[in-house]
Amino acid sequence: MVKHIVMFKLKGTESERLEVARKFKSALMELPKSIEVLRGMEVGINENPSESWDVVLTAIVDTMDDVAIYAAHPDHVAAAGLLSGHKELRACVDYVF
């Protein structure tokens, strides 16, 4: 199994970032319904004001090939598009467990 963990730092005011983060989280949480390779999805919005990252997601799939399938799926592409113009930084780690 593979954990695909991604963190996002967003642009804008605190309220703007929170609004975008909530919409993004909502879209991501729908993905297991339409992307067969997803075994699990967890999305968190940062609540610690002393930290600079806004959103973290953990997607669980069976293989690294499934990470690519997930990334290219039209529903994932649409969800990621919600961050267009709002994303400042992105960090990702994929590991087998």
PDB file of N, CA and C in Angstrom:
ATOM      1  N   MET A   1       0.853  -1.179   0.000  1.00  0.00           N
ATOM      2  CA  MET A   1       0.000   0.000   0.000  1.00  0.00           C
ATOM      3  C   MET A   1       0.901   1.245   0.000  1.00  0.00           C
ATOM      4  N   VAL A   2       0.348   2.327  -0.533  1.00  0.00           N
ATOM      5  CA  VAL A   2       1.088   3.587  -0.638  1.00  0.00           C
ATOM      6  C   VAL A   2       0.283   4.695   0.024  1.00  0.00           C
ATOM      7  N   LYS A   3       0.968   5.502   0.824  1.00  0.00           N
ATOM      8  CA  LYS A   3       0.371   6.733   1.346  1.00  0.00           C
ATOM      9  C   LYS A   3       0.920   7.887   0.521  1.00  0.00           C
ATOM     10  N   HIS A   4       0.007   8.670   0.004  1.00  0.00           N
ATOM     11  CA  HIS A   4       0.312   9.856  -0.805  1.00  0.00           C
ATOM     12  C   HIS A   4      -0.091  11.045   0.072  1.00  0.00           C
ATOM     13  N   ILE A   5       0.911  11.733   0.614  1.00  0.00           N
ATOM     14  CA  ILE A   5       0.657  12.834   1.545  1.00  0.00           C
ATOM     15  C   ILE A   5       1.080  14.134   0.887  1.00  0.00           C
ATOM     16  N   VAL A   6       0.158  15.097   0.859  1.00  0.00           N
ATOM     17  CA  VAL A   6       0.419  16.377   0.209  1.00  0.00           C
ATOM     18  C   VAL A   6      -0.002  17.505   1.145  1.00  0.00           C
ATOM     19  N   MET A   7       0.872  18.518   1.262  1.00  0.00           N
ATOM     20  CA  MET A   7       0.551  19.712   2.045  1.00  0.00           C
ATOM     21  C   MET A   7       0.522  20.916   1.115  1.00  0.00           C
ATOM     22  N   PHE A   8      -0.384  21.826   1.418  1.00  0.00           N
ATOM     23  CA  PHE A   8      -0.529  23.041   0.626  1.00  0.00           C
ATOM     24  C   PHE A   8      -0.473  24.266   1.524  1.00  0.00           C
ATOM     25  N   LYS A   9       0.253  25.257   1.055  1.00  0.00           N
ATOM     26  CA  LYS A   9       0.235  26.584   1.657  1.00  0.00           C
ATOM     27  C   LYS A   9      -0.478  27.471   0.650  1.00  0.00           C
ATOM     28  N   LEU A  10      -1.510  28.153   1.097  1.00  0.00           N
ATOM     29  CA  LEU A  10      -2.341  28.947   0.200  1.00  0.00           C
ATOM     30  C   LEU A  10      -2.018  30.432   0.304  1.00  0.00           C
ATOM     31  N   LYS A  11      -2.426  31.169  -0.720  1.00  0.00           N
ATOM     32  CA  LYS A  11      -2.263  32.628  -0.763  1.00  0.00           C
ATOM     33  C   LYS A  11      -3.536  33.290  -0.253  1.00  0.00           C
ATOM     34  N   GLY A  12      -3.400  34.537   0.205  1.00  0.00           N
ATOM     35  CA  GLY A  12      -4.565  35.319   0.584  1.00  0.00           C
ATOM     36  C   GLY A  12      -4.659  35.555   2.076  1.00  0.00           C
ATOM     37  N   THR A  13      -5.738  36.215   2.444  1.00  0.00           N
ATOM     38  CA  THR A  13      -5.988  36.476   3.861  1.00  0.00           C
ATOM     39  C   THR A  13      -6.363  35.170   4.550  1.00  0.00           C
ATOM     40  N   GLU A  14      -6.375  35.195   5.853  1.00  0.00           N
ATOM     41  CA  GLU A  14      -6.745  33.993   6.603  1.00  0.00           C
ATOM     42  C   GLU A  14      -8.135  33.506   6.208  1.00  0.00           C
ATOM     43  N   SER A  15      -9.086  34.430   6.088  1.00  0.00           N
ATOM     44  CA  SER A  15     -10.452  34.019   5.735  1.00  0.00           C
ATOM     45  C   SER A  15     -10.535  33.511   4.297  1.00  0.00           C
ATOM     46  N   GLU A  16      -9.790  34.119   3.387  1.00  0.00           N
ATOM     47  CA  GLU A  16      -9.770  33.638   2.001  1.00  0.00           C
ATOM     48  C   GLU A  16      -9.173  32.235   1.925  1.00  0.00           C
ATOM     49  N   ARG A  17      -8.065  32.025   2.639  1.00  0.00           N
ATOM     50  CA  ARG A  17      -7.422  30.706   2.636  1.00  0.00           C
ATOM     51  C   ARG A  17      -8.348  29.653   3.234  1.00  0.00           C
ATOM     52  N   LEU A  18      -9.052  29.999   4.301  1.00  0.00           N
ATOM     53  CA  LEU A  18      -9.956  29.052   4.935  1.00  0.00           C
ATOM     54  C   LEU A  18     -11.114  28.694   4.010  1.00  0.00           C
ATOM     55  N   GLU A  19     -11.650  29.657   3.299  1.00  0.00           N
ATOM     56  CA  GLU A  19     -12.741  29.388   2.363  1.00  0.00           C
ATOM     57  C   GLU A  19     -12.291  28.442   1.254  1.00  0.00           C
ATOM     58  N   VAL A  20     -11.127  28.700   0.680  1.00  0.00           N
ATOM     59  CA  VAL A  20     -10.587  27.832  -0.369  1.00  0.00           C
ATOM     60  C   VAL A  20     -10.305  26.442   0.191  1.00  0.00           C
ATOM     61  N   ALA A  21      -9.715  26.380   1.374  1.00  0.00           N
ATOM     62  CA  ALA A  21      -9.386  25.089   1.999  1.00  0.00           C
ATOM     63  C   ALA A  21     -10.647  24.260   2.234  1.00  0.00           C
ATOM     64  N   ARG A  22     -11.698  24.883   2.677  1.00  0.00           N
ATOM     65  CA  ARG A  22     -12.946  24.147   2.934  1.00  0.00           C
ATOM     66  C   ARG A  22     -13.542  23.591   1.642  1.00  0.00           C
ATOM     67  N   LYS A  23     -13.545  24.393   0.588  1.00  0.00           N
ATOM     68  CA  LYS A  23     -14.068  23.927  -0.703  1.00  0.00           C
ATOM     69  C   LYS A  23     -13.212  22.780  -1.244  1.00  0.00           C
ATOM     70  N   PHE A  24     -11.900  22.923  -1.115  1.00  0.00           N
ATOM     71  CA  PHE A  24     -10.975  21.895  -1.581  1.00  0.00           C
ATOM     72  C   PHE A  24     -11.181  20.601  -0.801  1.00  0.00           C
ATOM     73  N   LYS A  25     -11.287  20.709   0.507  1.00  0.00           N
ATOM     74  CA  LYS A  25     -11.508  19.524   1.339  1.00  0.00           C
ATOM     75  C   LYS A  25     -12.798  18.815   0.936  1.00  0.00           C
ATOM     76  N   SER A  26     -13.854  19.572   0.758  1.00  0.00           N
ATOM     77  CA  SER A  26     -15.136  18.993   0.385  1.00  0.00           C
ATOM     78  C   SER A  26     -15.031  18.222  -0.929  1.00  0.00           C
ATOM     79  N   ALA A  27     -14.349  18.808  -1.905  1.00  0.00           N
ATOM     80  CA  ALA A  27     -14.180  18.144  -3.208  1.00  0.00           C
ATOM     81  C   ALA A  27     -13.336  16.883  -3.072  1.00  0.00           C
ATOM     82  N   LEU A  28     -12.271  16.955  -2.302  1.00  0.00           N
ATOM     83  CA  LEU A  28     -11.402  15.784  -2.133  1.00  0.00           C
ATOM     84  C   LEU A  28     -12.123  14.636  -1.440  1.00  0.00           C
ATOM     85  N   MET A  29     -12.940  14.946  -0.468  1.00  0.00           N
ATOM     86  CA  MET A  29     -13.620  13.895   0.285  1.00  0.00           C
ATOM     87  C   MET A  29     -14.640  13.138  -0.562  1.00  0.00           C
ATOM     88  N   GLU A  30     -15.019  13.690  -1.705  1.00  0.00           N
ATOM     89  CA  GLU A  30     -15.927  13.013  -2.630  1.00  0.00           C
ATOM     90  C   GLU A  30     -15.190  12.034  -3.564  1.00  0.00           C
ATOM     91  N   LEU A  31     -13.879  12.174  -3.668  1.00  0.00           N
ATOM     92  CA  LEU A  31     -13.122  11.397  -4.646  1.00  0.00           C
ATOM     93  C   LEU A  31     -13.185   9.878  -4.458  1.00  0.00           C
ATOM     94  N   PRO A  32     -13.196   9.350  -3.235  1.00  0.00           N
ATOM     95  CA  PRO A  32     -13.277   7.884  -3.118  1.00  0.00           C
ATOM     96  C   PRO A  32     -14.532   7.283  -3.760  1.00  0.00           C
ATOM     97  N   LYS A  33     -15.566   8.083  -3.954  1.00  0.00           N
ATOM     98  CA  LYS A  33     -16.788   7.596  -4.592  1.00  0.00           C
ATOM     99  C   LYS A  33     -16.603   7.363  -6.096  1.00  0.00           C
ATOM    100  N   SER A  34     -15.647   8.081  -6.689  1.00  0.00           N
ATOM    101  CA  SER A  34     -15.510   8.002  -8.145  1.00  0.00           C
ATOM    102  C   SER A  34     -14.154   7.473  -8.635  1.00  0.00           C
ATOM    103  N   ILE A  35     -13.181   7.377  -7.748  1.00  0.00           N
ATOM    104  CA  ILE A  35     -11.860   6.897  -8.151  1.00  0.00           C
ATOM    105  C   ILE A  35     -11.621   5.545  -7.481  1.00  0.00           C
ATOM    106  N   GLU A  36     -11.741   4.494  -8.273  1.00  0.00           N
ATOM    107  CA  GLU A  36     -11.704   3.126  -7.743  1.00  0.00           C
ATOM    108  C   GLU A  36     -10.415   2.776  -7.022  1.00  0.00           C
ATOM    109  N   VAL A  37      -9.284   3.352  -7.432  1.00  0.00           N
ATOM    110  CA  VAL A  37      -8.011   2.978  -6.814  1.00  0.00           C
ATOM    111  C   VAL A  37      -7.832   3.563  -5.415  1.00  0.00           C
ATOM    112  N   LEU A  38      -8.654   4.529  -5.032  1.00  0.00           N
ATOM    113  CA  LEU A  38      -8.532   5.129  -3.699  1.00  0.00           C
ATOM    114  C   LEU A  38      -9.074   4.183  -2.639  1.00  0.00           C
ATOM    115  N   ARG A  39      -8.228   3.828  -1.697  1.00  0.00           N
ATOM    116  CA  ARG A  39      -8.634   2.965  -0.577  1.00  0.00           C
ATOM    117  C   ARG A  39      -9.044   3.797   0.629  1.00  0.00           C
ATOM    118  N   GLY A  40      -8.577   5.043   0.655  1.00  0.00           N
ATOM    119  CA  GLY A  40      -8.930   5.942   1.743  1.00  0.00           C
ATOM    120  C   GLY A  40      -8.480   7.354   1.440  1.00  0.00           C
ATOM    121  N   MET A  41      -9.156   8.319   2.066  1.00  0.00           N
ATOM    122  CA  MET A  41      -8.810   9.726   1.876  1.00  0.00           C
ATOM    123  C   MET A  41      -9.062  10.438   3.197  1.00  0.00           C
ATOM    124  N   GLU A  42      -8.071  11.202   3.615  1.00  0.00           N
ATOM    125  CA  GLU A  42      -8.205  12.029   4.809  1.00  0.00           C
ATOM    126  C   GLU A  42      -7.700  13.413   4.459  1.00  0.00           C
ATOM    127  N   VAL A  43      -8.436  14.442   4.854  1.00  0.00           N
ATOM    128  CA  VAL A  43      -8.049  15.814   4.558  1.00  0.00           C
ATOM    129  C   VAL A  43      -8.192  16.627   5.833  1.00  0.00           C
ATOM    130  N   GLY A  44      -7.153  17.386   6.163  1.00  0.00           N
ATOM    131  CA  GLY A  44      -7.199  18.229   7.347  1.00  0.00           C
ATOM    132  C   GLY A  44      -6.877  19.669   7.008  1.00  0.00           C
ATOM    133  N   ILE A  45      -7.586  20.562   7.685  1.00  0.00           N
ATOM    134  CA  ILE A  45      -7.324  21.995   7.562  1.00  0.00           C
ATOM    135  C   ILE A  45      -6.614  22.429   8.846  1.00  0.00           C
ATOM    136  N   ASN A  46      -5.478  23.080   8.685  1.00  0.00           N
ATOM    137  CA  ASN A  46      -4.672  23.486   9.829  1.00  0.00           C
ATOM    138  C   ASN A  46      -5.439  24.420  10.768  1.00  0.00           C
ATOM    139  N   GLU A  47      -5.377  24.132  12.042  1.00  0.00           N
ATOM    140  CA  GLU A  47      -6.015  24.989  13.045  1.00  0.00           C
ATOM    141  C   GLU A  47      -4.996  25.641  13.969  1.00  0.00           C
ATOM    142  N   ASN A  48      -3.715  25.410  13.711  1.00  0.00           N
ATOM    143  CA  ASN A  48      -2.657  25.976  14.537  1.00  0.00           C
ATOM    144  C   ASN A  48      -2.155  27.262  13.885  1.00  0.00           C
ATOM    145  N   PRO A  49      -2.478  28.426  14.439  1.00  0.00           N
ATOM    146  CA  PRO A  49      -2.101  29.692  13.798  1.00  0.00           C
ATOM    147  C   PRO A  49      -0.592  29.943  13.751  1.00  0.00           C
ATOM    148  N   SER A  50       0.194  29.187  14.509  1.00  0.00           N
ATOM    149  CA  SER A  50       1.639  29.387  14.471  1.00  0.00           C
ATOM    150  C   SER A  50       2.306  28.562  13.368  1.00  0.00           C
ATOM    151  N   GLU A  51       1.523  27.782  12.626  1.00  0.00           N
ATOM    152  CA  GLU A  51       2.048  27.002  11.508  1.00  0.00           C
ATOM    153  C   GLU A  51       1.630  27.639  10.192  1.00  0.00           C
ATOM    154  N   SER A  52       2.433  27.421   9.145  1.00  0.00           N
ATOM    155  CA  SER A  52       2.182  28.137   7.894  1.00  0.00           C
ATOM    156  C   SER A  52       1.491  27.315   6.810  1.00  0.00           C
ATOM    157  N   TRP A  53       1.374  25.998   6.962  1.00  0.00           N
ATOM    158  CA  TRP A  53       0.707  25.175   5.957  1.00  0.00           C
ATOM    159  C   TRP A  53      -0.790  25.172   6.251  1.00  0.00           C
ATOM    160  N   ASP A  54      -1.611  25.177   5.203  1.00  0.00           N
ATOM    161  CA  ASP A  54      -3.060  25.317   5.367  1.00  0.00           C
ATOM    162  C   ASP A  54      -3.828  24.003   5.289  1.00  0.00           C
ATOM    163  N   VAL A  55      -3.424  23.122   4.384  1.00  0.00           N
ATOM    164  CA  VAL A  55      -4.190  21.893   4.135  1.00  0.00           C
ATOM    165  C   VAL A  55      -3.221  20.725   3.993  1.00  0.00           C
ATOM    166  N   VAL A  56      -3.637  19.576   4.518  1.00  0.00           N
ATOM    167  CA  VAL A  56      -2.881  18.339   4.305  1.00  0.00           C
ATOM    168  C   VAL A  56      -3.859  17.258   3.876  1.00  0.00           C
ATOM    169  N   LEU A  57      -3.431  16.445   2.913  1.00  0.00           N
ATOM    170  CA  LEU A  57      -4.273  15.317   2.516  1.00  0.00           C
ATOM    171  C   LEU A  57      -3.441  14.051   2.538  1.00  0.00           C
ATOM    172  N   THR A  58      -4.096  12.974   2.883  1.00  0.00           N
ATOM    173  CA  THR A  58      -3.493  11.652   2.813  1.00  0.00           C
ATOM    174  C   THR A  58      -4.423  10.769   2.000  1.00  0.00           C
ATOM    175  N   ALA A  59      -3.919  10.291   0.883  1.00  0.00           N
ATOM    176  CA  ALA A  59      -4.665   9.349   0.050  1.00  0.00           C
ATOM    177  C   ALA A  59      -3.956   8.005   0.148  1.00  0.00           C
ATOM    178  N   ILE A  60      -4.732   6.948   0.257  1.00  0.00           N
ATOM    179  CA  ILE A  60      -4.163   5.606   0.332  1.00  0.00           C
ATOM    180  C   ILE A  60      -4.585   4.821  -0.901  1.00  0.00           C
ATOM    181  N   VAL A  61      -3.578   4.256  -1.574  1.00  0.00           N
ATOM    182  CA  VAL A  61      -3.797   3.432  -2.761  1.00  0.00           C
ATOM    183  C   VAL A  61      -2.925   2.177  -2.638  1.00  0.00           C
ATOM    184  N   ASP A  62      -3.131   1.234  -3.532  1.00  0.00           N
ATOM    185  CA  ASP A  62      -2.384  -0.024  -3.455  1.00  0.00           C
ATOM    186  C   ASP A  62      -0.949   0.084  -3.956  1.00  0.00           C
ATOM    187  N   THR A  63      -0.732   0.831  -5.042  1.00  0.00           N
ATOM    188  CA  THR A  63       0.587   0.850  -5.690  1.00  0.00           C
ATOM    189  C   THR A  63       0.959   2.259  -6.132  1.00  0.00           C
ATOM    190  N   MET A  64       2.229   2.439  -6.466  1.00  0.00           N
ATOM    191  CA  MET A  64       2.665   3.731  -7.018  1.00  0.00           C
ATOM    192  C   MET A  64       1.990   3.998  -8.358  1.00  0.00           C
ATOM    193  N   ASP A  65       1.706   2.961  -9.129  1.00  0.00           N
ATOM    194  CA  ASP A  65       0.963   3.159 -10.378  1.00  0.00           C
ATOM    195  C   ASP A  65      -0.411   3.744 -10.100  1.00  0.00           C
ATOM    196  N   ASP A  66      -1.008   3.342  -8.980  1.00  0.00           N
ATOM    197  CA  ASP A  66      -2.320   3.877  -8.612  1.00  0.00           C
ATOM    198  C   ASP A  66      -2.257   5.357  -8.246  1.00  0.00           C
ATOM    199  N   VAL A  67      -1.113   5.813  -7.736  1.00  0.00           N
ATOM    200  CA  VAL A  67      -0.940   7.248  -7.465  1.00  0.00           C
ATOM    201  C   VAL A  67      -1.087   8.014  -8.774  1.00  0.00           C
ATOM    202  N   ALA A  68      -0.491   7.511  -9.830  1.00  0.00           N
ATOM    203  CA  ALA A  68      -0.579   8.160 -11.144  1.00  0.00           C
ATOM    204  C   ALA A  68      -2.006   8.128 -11.686  1.00  0.00           C
ATOM    205  N   ILE A  69      -2.693   7.013 -11.489  1.00  0.00           N
ATOM    206  CA  ILE A  69      -4.096   6.905 -11.933  1.00  0.00           C
ATOM    207  C   ILE A  69      -4.954   7.919 -11.190  1.00  0.00           C
ATOM    208  N   TYR A  70      -4.779   8.000  -9.884  1.00  0.00           N
ATOM    209  CA  TYR A  70      -5.502   8.970  -9.049  1.00  0.00           C
ATOM    210  C   TYR A  70      -5.217  10.394  -9.523  1.00  0.00           C
ATOM    211  N   ALA A  71      -3.934  10.710  -9.738  1.00  0.00           N
ATOM    212  CA  ALA A  71      -3.547  12.072 -10.112  1.00  0.00           C
ATOM    213  C   ALA A  71      -4.145  12.500 -11.453  1.00  0.00           C
ATOM    214  N   ALA A  72      -4.278  11.556 -12.384  1.00  0.00           N
ATOM    215  CA  ALA A  72      -4.770  11.883 -13.724  1.00  0.00           C
ATOM    216  C   ALA A  72      -6.289  11.813 -13.850  1.00  0.00           C
ATOM    217  N   HIS A  73      -6.959  11.285 -12.835  1.00  0.00           N
ATOM    218  CA  HIS A  73      -8.416  11.121 -12.919  1.00  0.00           C
ATOM    219  C   HIS A  73      -9.083  12.494 -13.050  1.00  0.00           C
ATOM    220  N   PRO A  74     -10.055  12.627 -13.942  1.00  0.00           N
ATOM    221  CA  PRO A  74     -10.709  13.924 -14.152  1.00  0.00           C
ATOM    222  C   PRO A  74     -11.314  14.546 -12.888  1.00  0.00           C
ATOM    223  N   ASP A  75     -11.833  13.736 -11.986  1.00  0.00           N
ATOM    224  CA  ASP A  75     -12.398  14.301 -10.754  1.00  0.00           C
ATOM    225  C   ASP A  75     -11.306  14.857  -9.847  1.00  0.00           C
ATOM    226  N   HIS A  76     -10.151  14.200  -9.828  1.00  0.00           N
ATOM    227  CA  HIS A  76      -9.028  14.742  -9.047  1.00  0.00           C
ATOM    228  C   HIS A  76      -8.515  16.023  -9.691  1.00  0.00           C
ATOM    229  N   VAL A  77      -8.404  16.018 -11.008  1.00  0.00           N
ATOM    230  CA  VAL A  77      -7.944  17.212 -11.720  1.00  0.00           C
ATOM    231  C   VAL A  77      -8.880  18.390 -11.436  1.00  0.00           C
ATOM    232  N   ALA A  78     -10.183  18.133 -11.411  1.00  0.00           N
ATOM    233  CA  ALA A  78     -11.155  19.195 -11.117  1.00  0.00           C
ATOM    234  C   ALA A  78     -10.991  19.697  -9.682  1.00  0.00           C
ATOM    235  N   ALA A  79     -10.800  18.785  -8.741  1.00  0.00           N
ATOM    236  CA  ALA A  79     -10.609  19.188  -7.345  1.00  0.00           C
ATOM    237  C   ALA A  79      -9.337  20.029  -7.206  1.00  0.00           C
ATOM    238  N   ALA A  80      -8.263  19.581  -7.825  1.00  0.00           N
ATOM    239  CA  ALA A  80      -6.995  20.324  -7.767  1.00  0.00           C
ATOM    240  C   ALA A  80      -7.145  21.703  -8.400  1.00  0.00           C
ATOM    241  N   GLY A  81      -8.011  21.808  -9.399  1.00  0.00           N
ATOM    242  CA  GLY A  81      -8.248  23.086 -10.056  1.00  0.00           C
ATOM    243  C   GLY A  81      -8.835  24.136  -9.136  1.00  0.00           C
ATOM    244  N   LEU A  82      -9.451  23.711  -8.043  1.00  0.00           N
ATOM    245  CA  LEU A  82      -9.985  24.666  -7.067  1.00  0.00           C
ATOM    246  C   LEU A  82      -8.882  25.505  -6.424  1.00  0.00           C
ATOM    247  N   LEU A  83      -7.648  25.014  -6.488  1.00  0.00           N
ATOM    248  CA  LEU A  83      -6.522  25.746  -5.900  1.00  0.00           C
ATOM    249  C   LEU A  83      -5.859  26.694  -6.893  1.00  0.00           C
ATOM    250  N   SER A  84      -6.332  26.683  -8.134  1.00  0.00           N
ATOM    251  CA  SER A  84      -5.747  27.543  -9.153  1.00  0.00           C
ATOM    252  C   SER A  84      -5.773  29.000  -8.695  1.00  0.00           C
ATOM    253  N   GLY A  85      -4.608  29.620  -8.695  1.00  0.00           N
ATOM    254  CA  GLY A  85      -4.494  31.012  -8.274  1.00  0.00           C
ATOM    255  C   GLY A  85      -4.416  31.194  -6.766  1.00  0.00           C
ATOM    256  N   HIS A  86      -4.571  30.108  -6.012  1.00  0.00           N
ATOM    257  CA  HIS A  86      -4.557  30.197  -4.545  1.00  0.00           C
ATOM    258  C   HIS A  86      -3.365  29.474  -3.928  1.00  0.00           C
ATOM    259  N   LYS A  87      -2.689  28.628  -4.681  1.00  0.00           N
ATOM    260  CA  LYS A  87      -1.612  27.795  -4.141  1.00  0.00           C
ATOM    261  C   LYS A  87      -0.292  28.558  -4.146  1.00  0.00           C
ATOM    262  N   GLU A  88       0.305  28.654  -2.969  1.00  0.00           N
ATOM    263  CA  GLU A  88       1.629  29.258  -2.858  1.00  0.00           C
ATOM    264  C   GLU A  88       2.713  28.186  -2.907  1.00  0.00           C
ATOM    265  N   LEU A  89       2.536  27.131  -2.113  1.00  0.00           N
ATOM    266  CA  LEU A  89       3.507  26.046  -2.055  1.00  0.00           C
ATOM    267  C   LEU A  89       2.797  24.701  -1.961  1.00  0.00           C
ATOM    268  N   ARG A  90       3.494  23.671  -2.441  1.00  0.00           N
ATOM    269  CA  ARG A  90       3.002  22.294  -2.346  1.00  0.00           C
ATOM    270  C   ARG A  90       4.177  21.411  -1.976  1.00  0.00           C
ATOM    271  N   ALA A  91       3.961  20.488  -1.048  1.00  0.00           N
ATOM    272  CA  ALA A  91       4.975  19.500  -0.691  1.00  0.00           C
ATOM    273  C   ALA A  91       4.309  18.133  -0.716  1.00  0.00           C
ATOM    274  N   CYS A  92       5.037  17.116  -1.179  1.00  0.00           N
ATOM    275  CA  CYS A  92       4.452  15.784  -1.322  1.00  0.00           C
ATOM    276  C   CYS A  92       5.446  14.707  -0.927  1.00  0.00           C
ATOM    277  N   VAL A  93       4.925  13.670  -0.283  1.00  0.00           N
ATOM    278  CA  VAL A  93       5.701  12.462   0.011  1.00  0.00           C
ATOM    279  C   VAL A  93       4.808  11.270  -0.317  1.00  0.00           C
ATOM    280  N   ASP A  94       5.365  10.323  -1.055  1.00  0.00           N
ATOM    281  CA  ASP A  94       4.689   9.046  -1.347  1.00  0.00           C
ATOM    282  C   ASP A  94       5.553   7.943  -0.759  1.00  0.00           C
ATOM    283  N   TYR A  95       4.970   7.120   0.093  1.00  0.00           N
ATOM    284  CA  TYR A  95       5.753   6.025   0.650  1.00  0.00           C
ATOM    285  C   TYR A  95       4.952   4.749   0.764  1.00  0.00           C
ATOM    286  N   VAL A  96       5.667   3.641   0.663  1.00  0.00           N
ATOM    287  CA  VAL A  96       5.068   2.329   0.756  1.00  0.00           C
ATOM    288  C   VAL A  96       5.053   1.933   2.230  1.00  0.00           C
ATOM    289  N   PHE A  97       3.925   1.372   2.646  1.00  0.00           N
ATOM    290  CA  PHE A  97       3.838   0.909   4.041  1.00  0.00           C
ATOM    291  C   PHE A  97       3.248  -0.469   4.100  1.00  0.00           C
TER     292      PHE A  97
END
